[in-house]
Amino acid sequence: MPSKRLEEKLTKENLWIYILSLLSKKDMYGYELRAEVQKRFGFKPGNVTAYRVLYSLKLKGLVEIVAKAGSGRERKYYHITRAGVEELERGKKVLRETLLKL
């Protein structure tokens, strides 16, 4: 069905916007991000997919890794950069403008 394909394109295939949105609220580690995407947005990204998107965002300078101590060991938290905030805002604008045209 076309609506199912649209749902896939707006969620799993554009996971970056959901991740940046969550990171704009607070730093999170990878597993926490996956769980929060499912809780807040209603879909569960694959484990490998989430980390591939995070890696890509890091390469583009949209997120950075911050090491923080937690539950007995150091953990990698992802932090949105200024460029990431700007890209998130551009993505939201594209979505708003596209939906307004319907």
C-alpha atoms as a PDB file:
ATOM      1  CA  MET A   1       0.000   0.000   0.000  1.00  0.00           C
ATOM      2  CA  PRO A   2       1.279   3.498  -0.781  1.00  0.00           C
ATOM      3  CA  SER A   3       0.495   4.756   2.725  1.00  0.00           C
ATOM      4  CA  LYS A   4       2.701   2.045   4.250  1.00  0.00           C
ATOM      5  CA  ARG A   5       5.568   3.075   1.970  1.00  0.00           C
ATOM      6  CA  LEU A   6       5.052   6.708   2.962  1.00  0.00           C
ATOM      7  CA  GLU A   7       5.195   5.721   6.631  1.00  0.00           C
ATOM      8  CA  GLU A   8       8.504   3.905   6.049  1.00  0.00           C
ATOM      9  CA  LYS A   9       9.962   6.923   4.236  1.00  0.00           C
ATOM     10  CA  LEU A  10       8.878   9.342   6.967  1.00  0.00           C
ATOM     11  CA  THR A  11      10.151   7.202   9.834  1.00  0.00           C
ATOM     12  CA  LYS A  12      12.862   4.586   9.398  1.00  0.00           C
ATOM     13  CA  GLU A  13      14.379   6.104   6.271  1.00  0.00           C
ATOM     14  CA  ASN A  14      14.664   9.514   7.917  1.00  0.00           C
ATOM     15  CA  LEU A  15      15.738   8.394  11.366  1.00  0.00           C
ATOM     16  CA  TRP A  16      18.251  11.246  11.541  1.00  0.00           C
ATOM     17  CA  ILE A  17      15.551  13.856  12.224  1.00  0.00           C
ATOM     18  CA  TYR A  18      14.092  11.845  15.109  1.00  0.00           C
ATOM     19  CA  ILE A  19      17.542  11.323  16.617  1.00  0.00           C
ATOM     20  CA  LEU A  20      18.474  14.988  16.345  1.00  0.00           C
ATOM     21  CA  SER A  21      15.116  15.956  17.824  1.00  0.00           C
ATOM     22  CA  LEU A  22      15.713  13.775  20.880  1.00  0.00           C
ATOM     23  CA  LEU A  23      19.300  14.952  21.262  1.00  0.00           C
ATOM     24  CA  SER A  24      18.132  18.569  21.160  1.00  0.00           C
ATOM     25  CA  LYS A  25      16.455  17.853  24.521  1.00  0.00           C
ATOM     26  CA  LYS A  26      19.302  15.937  26.213  1.00  0.00           C
ATOM     27  CA  ASP A  27      22.423  13.868  25.568  1.00  0.00           C
ATOM     28  CA  MET A  28      21.719  10.154  25.181  1.00  0.00           C
ATOM     29  CA  TYR A  29      23.576   6.927  24.511  1.00  0.00           C
ATOM     30  CA  GLY A  30      22.739   4.668  21.577  1.00  0.00           C
ATOM     31  CA  TYR A  31      20.494   2.106  23.239  1.00  0.00           C
ATOM     32  CA  GLU A  32      18.623   4.863  25.078  1.00  0.00           C
ATOM     33  CA  LEU A  33      18.005   6.671  21.772  1.00  0.00           C
ATOM     34  CA  ARG A  34      16.487   3.573  20.178  1.00  0.00           C
ATOM     35  CA  ALA A  35      14.163   3.033  23.128  1.00  0.00           C
ATOM     36  CA  GLU A  36      13.147   6.697  23.190  1.00  0.00           C
ATOM     37  CA  VAL A  37      12.389   6.712  19.442  1.00  0.00           C
ATOM     38  CA  GLN A  38      10.032   3.803  19.998  1.00  0.00           C
ATOM     39  CA  LYS A  39       8.419   5.417  23.045  1.00  0.00           C
ATOM     40  CA  ARG A  40       7.991   8.926  21.592  1.00  0.00           C
ATOM     41  CA  PHE A  41       7.493   8.273  17.888  1.00  0.00           C
ATOM     42  CA  GLY A  42       5.995   4.762  17.771  1.00  0.00           C
ATOM     43  CA  PHE A  43       8.531   2.845  15.681  1.00  0.00           C
ATOM     44  CA  LYS A  44      11.616   0.856  16.601  1.00  0.00           C
ATOM     45  CA  PRO A  45      14.722   1.379  14.495  1.00  0.00           C
ATOM     46  CA  GLY A  46      17.040  -1.554  14.036  1.00  0.00           C
ATOM     47  CA  ASN A  47      20.072  -1.674  16.311  1.00  0.00           C
ATOM     48  CA  VAL A  48      22.566  -1.481  13.469  1.00  0.00           C
ATOM     49  CA  THR A  49      20.510   1.161  11.657  1.00  0.00           C
ATOM     50  CA  ALA A  50      20.490   3.501  14.653  1.00  0.00           C
ATOM     51  CA  TYR A  51      24.259   3.255  15.068  1.00  0.00           C
ATOM     52  CA  ARG A  52      24.864   3.740  11.332  1.00  0.00           C
ATOM     53  CA  VAL A  53      22.779   6.921  11.432  1.00  0.00           C
ATOM     54  CA  LEU A  54      24.646   8.132  14.532  1.00  0.00           C
ATOM     55  CA  TYR A  55      27.974   7.430  12.831  1.00  0.00           C
ATOM     56  CA  SER A  56      26.856   9.349   9.741  1.00  0.00           C
ATOM     57  CA  LEU A  57      25.660  12.282  11.865  1.00  0.00           C
ATOM     58  CA  LYS A  58      29.015  12.295  13.642  1.00  0.00           C
ATOM     59  CA  LEU A  59      30.950  12.321  10.343  1.00  0.00           C
ATOM     60  CA  LYS A  60      28.872  15.295   9.188  1.00  0.00           C
ATOM     61  CA  GLY A  61      29.571  17.185  12.419  1.00  0.00           C
ATOM     62  CA  LEU A  62      25.941  17.127  13.506  1.00  0.00           C
ATOM     63  CA  VAL A  63      26.594  15.164  16.702  1.00  0.00           C
ATOM     64  CA  GLU A  64      29.622  14.540  18.852  1.00  0.00           C
ATOM     65  CA  ILE A  65      30.476  11.898  21.404  1.00  0.00           C
ATOM     66  CA  VAL A  66      30.837  12.872  25.033  1.00  0.00           C
ATOM     67  CA  ALA A  67      32.175  10.285  27.469  1.00  0.00           C
ATOM     68  CA  LYS A  68      30.338  10.219  30.797  1.00  0.00           C
ATOM     69  CA  ALA A  69      30.670   7.932  33.773  1.00  0.00           C
ATOM     70  CA  GLY A  70      27.594   5.871  34.444  1.00  0.00           C
ATOM     71  CA  SER A  71      26.670   2.714  36.352  1.00  0.00           C
ATOM     72  CA  GLY A  72      30.260   1.711  37.016  1.00  0.00           C
ATOM     73  CA  ARG A  73      31.743   2.370  33.586  1.00  0.00           C
ATOM     74  CA  GLU A  74      32.270   5.118  31.097  1.00  0.00           C
ATOM     75  CA  ARG A  75      29.576   5.383  28.451  1.00  0.00           C
ATOM     76  CA  LYS A  76      29.443   7.197  25.092  1.00  0.00           C
ATOM     77  CA  TYR A  77      26.720   9.819  25.014  1.00  0.00           C
ATOM     78  CA  TYR A  78      25.760  11.602  21.841  1.00  0.00           C
ATOM     79  CA  HIS A  79      25.442  15.376  21.936  1.00  0.00           C
ATOM     80  CA  ILE A  80      23.898  17.532  19.200  1.00  0.00           C
ATOM     81  CA  THR A  81      26.202  20.239  17.848  1.00  0.00           C
ATOM     82  CA  ARG A  82      25.241  23.740  16.732  1.00  0.00           C
ATOM     83  CA  ALA A  83      25.342  22.465  13.132  1.00  0.00           C
ATOM     84  CA  GLY A  84      23.037  19.617  14.199  1.00  0.00           C
ATOM     85  CA  VAL A  85      20.528  22.058  15.688  1.00  0.00           C
ATOM     86  CA  GLU A  86      20.592  24.077  12.477  1.00  0.00           C
ATOM     87  CA  GLU A  87      20.087  20.961  10.330  1.00  0.00           C
ATOM     88  CA  LEU A  88      17.218  19.824  12.568  1.00  0.00           C
ATOM     89  CA  GLU A  89      15.513  23.191  12.089  1.00  0.00           C
ATOM     90  CA  ARG A  90      15.981  22.968   8.303  1.00  0.00           C
ATOM     91  CA  GLY A  91      14.482  19.470   8.313  1.00  0.00           C
ATOM     92  CA  LYS A  92      11.475  20.583  10.364  1.00  0.00           C
ATOM     93  CA  LYS A  93      10.939  23.499   7.990  1.00  0.00           C
ATOM     94  CA  VAL A  94      10.969  21.177   4.959  1.00  0.00           C
ATOM     95  CA  LEU A  95       8.398  18.911   6.618  1.00  0.00           C
ATOM     96  CA  ARG A  96       6.120  21.815   7.598  1.00  0.00           C
ATOM     97  CA  GLU A  97       6.274  23.390   4.153  1.00  0.00           C
ATOM     98  CA  THR A  98       5.672  20.073   2.406  1.00  0.00           C
ATOM     99  CA  LEU A  99       2.656  19.230   4.553  1.00  0.00           C
ATOM    100  CA  LEU A 100       1.161  22.678   4.084  1.00  0.00           C
ATOM    101  CA  LYS A 101       1.108  22.089   0.331  1.00  0.00           C
ATOM    102  CA  LEU A 102      -1.172  19.035   0.661  1.00  0.00           C
END
